[in-house]
Amino acid sequence: MNINEEIAQSRNAEAEKGVRQPRRKATAVVNADLCTGCGICATVCPTVCISIVESELNFNGVSFIDRQRCTGCNICAIDCPWFAIEMIYPDGTKKEPAEYERQLQKQRGYR
């Protein structure tokens, strides 16, 4: 099941219950076509929810993210040199690149 199907499923469940939940933090999603398996994301992840798994796409493998453990800190998306990781909210919207830049500056101590 891909991310869009999961989001649609959760929306339908919420609509049936009539419950509107607050917007949760975004979680990391890997674009396997862009991922080189370099492992930078796995190295910088503070919750150790990223691992490199074997893939036929390249020799190194691709990143796999355990979305249950992902806290939405954005560090993996900020540090990925190939822009293979995006932060996606439960409602399907994506974080804007400007948000990544602001967080990077804050993280590096520029603000």
N, C-alpha and C. Protein backbone atom coordinates (compact mmCIF):
# COMPACT_ATOMS: atom_id res chain seq x y z
N MET A 1 0.86 -1.17 0.00
CA MET A 1 0.00 0.00 0.00
C MET A 1 0.90 1.24 0.00
N ASN A 2 0.64 2.16 -0.91
CA ASN A 2 1.47 3.36 -0.95
C ASN A 2 0.90 4.45 -0.04
N ILE A 3 1.62 5.54 0.06
CA ILE A 3 1.26 6.61 1.00
C ILE A 3 -0.11 7.21 0.67
N ASN A 4 -0.43 7.37 -0.61
CA ASN A 4 -1.71 7.97 -0.98
C ASN A 4 -2.88 7.08 -0.58
N GLU A 5 -2.72 5.75 -0.73
CA GLU A 5 -3.78 4.84 -0.32
C GLU A 5 -3.96 4.86 1.19
N GLU A 6 -2.85 4.94 1.94
CA GLU A 6 -2.93 5.01 3.40
C GLU A 6 -3.65 6.28 3.85
N ILE A 7 -3.34 7.39 3.19
CA ILE A 7 -3.96 8.66 3.55
C ILE A 7 -5.46 8.61 3.26
N ALA A 8 -5.82 8.08 2.09
CA ALA A 8 -7.23 7.98 1.72
C ALA A 8 -7.98 7.09 2.70
N GLN A 9 -7.35 6.00 3.10
CA GLN A 9 -7.97 5.08 4.04
C GLN A 9 -8.22 5.75 5.40
N SER A 10 -7.22 6.49 5.87
CA SER A 10 -7.38 7.15 7.17
C SER A 10 -8.42 8.26 7.10
N ARG A 11 -8.50 8.97 5.97
CA ARG A 11 -9.53 10.01 5.81
C ARG A 11 -10.92 9.39 5.84
N ASN A 12 -11.08 8.26 5.14
CA ASN A 12 -12.39 7.61 5.12
C ASN A 12 -12.79 7.16 6.52
N ALA A 13 -11.85 6.61 7.26
CA ALA A 13 -12.14 6.14 8.62
C ALA A 13 -12.54 7.31 9.51
N GLU A 14 -11.85 8.44 9.37
CA GLU A 14 -12.17 9.62 10.17
C GLU A 14 -13.53 10.19 9.78
N ALA A 15 -13.85 10.18 8.49
CA ALA A 15 -15.13 10.71 8.03
C ALA A 15 -16.28 9.86 8.55
N GLU A 16 -16.09 8.53 8.58
CA GLU A 16 -17.11 7.64 9.09
C GLU A 16 -17.36 7.90 10.58
N LYS A 17 -16.30 8.16 11.31
CA LYS A 17 -16.43 8.41 12.75
C LYS A 17 -16.95 9.81 13.05
N GLY A 18 -16.81 10.71 12.08
CA GLY A 18 -17.20 12.09 12.29
C GLY A 18 -16.22 12.84 13.17
N VAL A 19 -15.01 12.32 13.28
CA VAL A 19 -13.99 12.91 14.14
C VAL A 19 -12.98 13.63 13.28
N ARG A 20 -12.69 14.84 13.66
CA ARG A 20 -11.65 15.59 12.96
C ARG A 20 -10.44 15.67 13.88
N GLN A 21 -9.36 15.03 13.43
CA GLN A 21 -8.15 15.01 14.24
C GLN A 21 -7.25 16.18 13.88
N PRO A 22 -6.48 16.67 14.84
CA PRO A 22 -5.56 17.75 14.52
C PRO A 22 -4.47 17.26 13.57
N ARG A 23 -3.93 18.18 12.81
CA ARG A 23 -2.88 17.85 11.85
C ARG A 23 -1.64 17.40 12.59
N ARG A 24 -1.19 16.18 12.28
CA ARG A 24 0.00 15.65 12.91
C ARG A 24 1.23 16.10 12.15
N LYS A 25 2.38 15.78 12.72
CA LYS A 25 3.63 16.13 12.07
C LYS A 25 3.81 15.34 10.79
N ALA A 26 4.59 15.90 9.91
CA ALA A 26 4.90 15.22 8.65
C ALA A 26 5.83 14.05 8.93
N THR A 27 5.77 13.05 8.07
CA THR A 27 6.70 11.92 8.16
C THR A 27 7.48 11.83 6.87
N ALA A 28 8.66 11.25 6.96
CA ALA A 28 9.55 11.15 5.82
C ALA A 28 9.11 10.05 4.88
N VAL A 29 9.19 10.34 3.58
CA VAL A 29 8.89 9.37 2.53
C VAL A 29 10.03 9.42 1.52
N VAL A 30 10.54 8.24 1.15
CA VAL A 30 11.68 8.16 0.24
C VAL A 30 11.19 7.94 -1.19
N ASN A 31 11.76 8.71 -2.12
CA ASN A 31 11.55 8.48 -3.54
C ASN A 31 12.67 7.54 -3.99
N ALA A 32 12.32 6.27 -4.19
CA ALA A 32 13.33 5.25 -4.50
C ALA A 32 14.06 5.52 -5.81
N ASP A 33 13.44 6.24 -6.73
CA ASP A 33 14.10 6.56 -7.99
C ASP A 33 15.26 7.52 -7.81
N LEU A 34 15.20 8.37 -6.77
CA LEU A 34 16.26 9.34 -6.53
C LEU A 34 17.28 8.87 -5.50
N CYS A 35 16.89 7.91 -4.67
CA CYS A 35 17.76 7.45 -3.58
C CYS A 35 18.94 6.66 -4.14
N THR A 36 20.14 7.00 -3.67
CA THR A 36 21.36 6.28 -4.09
C THR A 36 21.83 5.30 -3.04
N GLY A 37 21.19 5.29 -1.88
CA GLY A 37 21.59 4.39 -0.81
C GLY A 37 22.87 4.81 -0.12
N CYS A 38 23.18 6.10 -0.16
CA CYS A 38 24.44 6.60 0.40
C CYS A 38 24.49 6.46 1.93
N GLY A 39 23.32 6.43 2.59
CA GLY A 39 23.26 6.21 4.02
C GLY A 39 23.36 7.45 4.88
N ILE A 40 23.43 8.63 4.28
CA ILE A 40 23.53 9.86 5.06
C ILE A 40 22.29 10.03 5.94
N CYS A 41 21.14 9.74 5.39
CA CYS A 41 19.90 9.89 6.15
C CYS A 41 19.88 8.97 7.36
N ALA A 42 20.35 7.74 7.18
CA ALA A 42 20.38 6.78 8.29
C ALA A 42 21.36 7.22 9.37
N THR A 43 22.43 7.88 8.97
CA THR A 43 23.44 8.34 9.92
C THR A 43 22.93 9.50 10.77
N VAL A 44 22.18 10.42 10.16
CA VAL A 44 21.75 11.62 10.88
C VAL A 44 20.42 11.47 11.61
N CYS A 45 19.70 10.39 11.37
CA CYS A 45 18.37 10.22 11.98
C CYS A 45 18.50 10.03 13.49
N PRO A 46 17.91 10.93 14.29
CA PRO A 46 18.03 10.83 15.75
C PRO A 46 17.22 9.68 16.35
N THR A 47 16.18 9.20 15.65
CA THR A 47 15.37 8.11 16.18
C THR A 47 15.73 6.75 15.58
N VAL A 48 16.74 6.73 14.74
CA VAL A 48 17.23 5.50 14.10
C VAL A 48 16.08 4.73 13.45
N CYS A 49 15.25 5.44 12.71
CA CYS A 49 14.13 4.79 12.04
C CYS A 49 14.40 4.58 10.55
N ILE A 50 15.61 4.90 10.10
CA ILE A 50 15.97 4.74 8.69
C ILE A 50 17.02 3.65 8.56
N SER A 51 16.79 2.78 7.59
CA SER A 51 17.78 1.75 7.30
C SER A 51 17.92 1.62 5.79
N ILE A 52 19.03 1.05 5.36
CA ILE A 52 19.28 0.84 3.94
C ILE A 52 18.94 -0.61 3.62
N VAL A 53 18.08 -0.82 2.65
CA VAL A 53 17.68 -2.17 2.25
C VAL A 53 18.16 -2.44 0.83
N GLU A 54 18.38 -3.70 0.52
CA GLU A 54 18.85 -4.06 -0.82
C GLU A 54 17.80 -3.69 -1.85
N SER A 55 18.31 -3.34 -3.04
CA SER A 55 17.42 -2.94 -4.12
C SER A 55 18.06 -3.27 -5.44
N GLU A 56 17.22 -3.50 -6.43
CA GLU A 56 17.72 -3.73 -7.78
C GLU A 56 18.00 -2.41 -8.49
N LEU A 57 17.62 -1.29 -7.87
CA LEU A 57 17.80 0.01 -8.49
C LEU A 57 19.26 0.44 -8.53
N ASN A 58 20.02 0.07 -7.51
CA ASN A 58 21.44 0.45 -7.48
C ASN A 58 22.20 -0.52 -6.59
N PHE A 59 23.51 -0.38 -6.55
CA PHE A 59 24.36 -1.30 -5.79
C PHE A 59 24.25 -1.11 -4.28
N ASN A 60 24.02 0.11 -3.83
CA ASN A 60 24.00 0.41 -2.40
C ASN A 60 22.69 0.06 -1.72
N GLY A 61 21.60 0.01 -2.46
CA GLY A 61 20.29 -0.18 -1.88
C GLY A 61 19.57 1.14 -1.77
N VAL A 62 18.43 1.14 -1.13
CA VAL A 62 17.66 2.37 -0.95
C VAL A 62 17.26 2.51 0.52
N SER A 63 16.93 3.72 0.90
CA SER A 63 16.52 3.99 2.28
C SER A 63 15.11 3.47 2.53
N PHE A 64 14.92 2.93 3.71
CA PHE A 64 13.60 2.51 4.18
C PHE A 64 13.35 3.24 5.48
N ILE A 65 12.18 3.87 5.60
CA ILE A 65 11.85 4.64 6.78
C ILE A 65 10.67 3.99 7.50
N ASP A 66 10.85 3.72 8.77
CA ASP A 66 9.78 3.20 9.61
C ASP A 66 8.93 4.41 10.03
N ARG A 67 7.81 4.62 9.35
CA ARG A 67 7.01 5.82 9.59
C ARG A 67 6.35 5.82 10.96
N GLN A 68 6.25 4.67 11.60
CA GLN A 68 5.69 4.63 12.95
C GLN A 68 6.64 5.28 13.96
N ARG A 69 7.94 5.17 13.71
CA ARG A 69 8.93 5.74 14.63
C ARG A 69 9.39 7.13 14.21
N CYS A 70 9.08 7.54 12.99
CA CYS A 70 9.52 8.85 12.49
C CYS A 70 8.84 9.96 13.28
N THR A 71 9.63 10.92 13.76
CA THR A 71 9.09 12.03 14.54
C THR A 71 8.83 13.28 13.70
N GLY A 72 9.23 13.26 12.44
CA GLY A 72 9.02 14.42 11.57
C GLY A 72 10.01 15.53 11.79
N CYS A 73 11.21 15.19 12.22
CA CYS A 73 12.21 16.22 12.54
C CYS A 73 12.82 16.87 11.29
N ASN A 74 12.68 16.27 10.12
CA ASN A 74 13.17 16.80 8.83
C ASN A 74 14.66 16.69 8.62
N ILE A 75 15.41 16.20 9.57
CA ILE A 75 16.87 16.19 9.42
C ILE A 75 17.29 15.35 8.23
N CYS A 76 16.64 14.22 8.01
CA CYS A 76 17.01 13.37 6.87
C CYS A 76 16.74 14.09 5.55
N ALA A 77 15.61 14.77 5.46
CA ALA A 77 15.27 15.49 4.23
C ALA A 77 16.21 16.67 3.99
N ILE A 78 16.62 17.32 5.06
CA ILE A 78 17.54 18.44 4.94
C ILE A 78 18.91 17.98 4.45
N ASP A 79 19.40 16.87 5.02
CA ASP A 79 20.75 16.42 4.72
C ASP A 79 20.86 15.56 3.47
N CYS A 80 19.76 15.11 2.88
CA CYS A 80 19.83 14.26 1.69
C CYS A 80 20.35 15.07 0.50
N PRO A 81 21.54 14.70 -0.03
CA PRO A 81 22.10 15.47 -1.14
C PRO A 81 21.37 15.24 -2.46
N TRP A 82 20.55 14.20 -2.52
CA TRP A 82 19.86 13.86 -3.78
C TRP A 82 18.39 14.27 -3.75
N PHE A 83 17.94 14.91 -2.69
CA PHE A 83 16.54 15.34 -2.54
C PHE A 83 15.58 14.16 -2.70
N ALA A 84 15.98 13.01 -2.19
CA ALA A 84 15.18 11.79 -2.33
C ALA A 84 14.16 11.63 -1.21
N ILE A 85 14.23 12.46 -0.18
CA ILE A 85 13.31 12.33 0.95
C ILE A 85 12.44 13.58 1.03
N GLU A 86 11.14 13.34 1.13
CA GLU A 86 10.18 14.43 1.29
C GLU A 86 9.42 14.21 2.58
N MET A 87 9.00 15.29 3.18
CA MET A 87 8.19 15.23 4.37
C MET A 87 6.74 15.43 3.94
N ILE A 88 5.90 14.45 4.27
CA ILE A 88 4.51 14.49 3.84
C ILE A 88 3.60 14.42 5.06
N TYR A 89 2.64 15.36 5.12
CA TYR A 89 1.67 15.39 6.20
C TYR A 89 0.63 14.30 5.98
N PRO A 90 -0.08 13.91 7.03
CA PRO A 90 -1.10 12.86 6.90
C PRO A 90 -2.20 13.21 5.90
N ASP A 91 -2.44 14.51 5.67
CA ASP A 91 -3.48 14.90 4.71
C ASP A 91 -2.98 14.88 3.26
N GLY A 92 -1.72 14.49 3.05
CA GLY A 92 -1.18 14.36 1.70
C GLY A 92 -0.39 15.56 1.21
N THR A 93 -0.40 16.66 1.95
CA THR A 93 0.35 17.83 1.53
C THR A 93 1.83 17.65 1.89
N LYS A 94 2.67 18.34 1.15
CA LYS A 94 4.12 18.24 1.36
C LYS A 94 4.65 19.51 1.99
N LYS A 95 5.74 19.38 2.70
CA LYS A 95 6.42 20.55 3.23
C LYS A 95 7.10 21.28 2.08
N GLU A 96 7.05 22.58 2.12
CA GLU A 96 7.68 23.39 1.09
C GLU A 96 9.19 23.44 1.28
N PRO A 97 9.95 23.53 0.18
CA PRO A 97 11.41 23.61 0.29
C PRO A 97 11.89 24.77 1.16
N ALA A 98 11.14 25.87 1.19
CA ALA A 98 11.52 27.01 2.02
C ALA A 98 11.50 26.63 3.51
N GLU A 99 10.61 25.72 3.89
CA GLU A 99 10.57 25.27 5.28
C GLU A 99 11.83 24.48 5.63
N TYR A 100 12.31 23.68 4.69
CA TYR A 100 13.55 22.94 4.91
C TYR A 100 14.71 23.91 5.12
N GLU A 101 14.76 24.95 4.30
CA GLU A 101 15.85 25.93 4.38
C GLU A 101 15.82 26.66 5.71
N ARG A 102 14.63 27.06 6.17
CA ARG A 102 14.51 27.74 7.46
C ARG A 102 14.97 26.83 8.59
N GLN A 103 14.57 25.57 8.54
CA GLN A 103 14.97 24.66 9.60
C GLN A 103 16.46 24.38 9.56
N LEU A 104 17.03 24.29 8.35
CA LEU A 104 18.47 24.07 8.23
C LEU A 104 19.24 25.22 8.85
N GLN A 105 18.82 26.46 8.58
CA GLN A 105 19.49 27.61 9.15
C GLN A 105 19.37 27.61 10.67
N LYS A 106 18.21 27.25 11.18
CA LYS A 106 18.00 27.19 12.62
C LYS A 106 18.85 26.08 13.25
N GLN A 107 18.90 24.94 12.58
CA GLN A 107 19.66 23.80 13.07
C GLN A 107 21.17 24.10 13.11
N ARG A 108 21.64 24.81 12.11
CA ARG A 108 23.05 25.13 12.01
C ARG A 108 23.45 26.34 12.85
N GLY A 109 22.47 26.98 13.50
CA GLY A 109 22.77 28.09 14.38
C GLY A 109 22.80 29.45 13.73
N TYR A 110 22.19 29.60 12.54
CA TYR A 110 22.19 30.88 11.85
C TYR A 110 21.07 31.78 12.31
N ARG A 111 20.14 31.25 13.09
CA ARG A 111 19.03 32.07 13.60
C ARG A 111 19.02 32.06 15.07
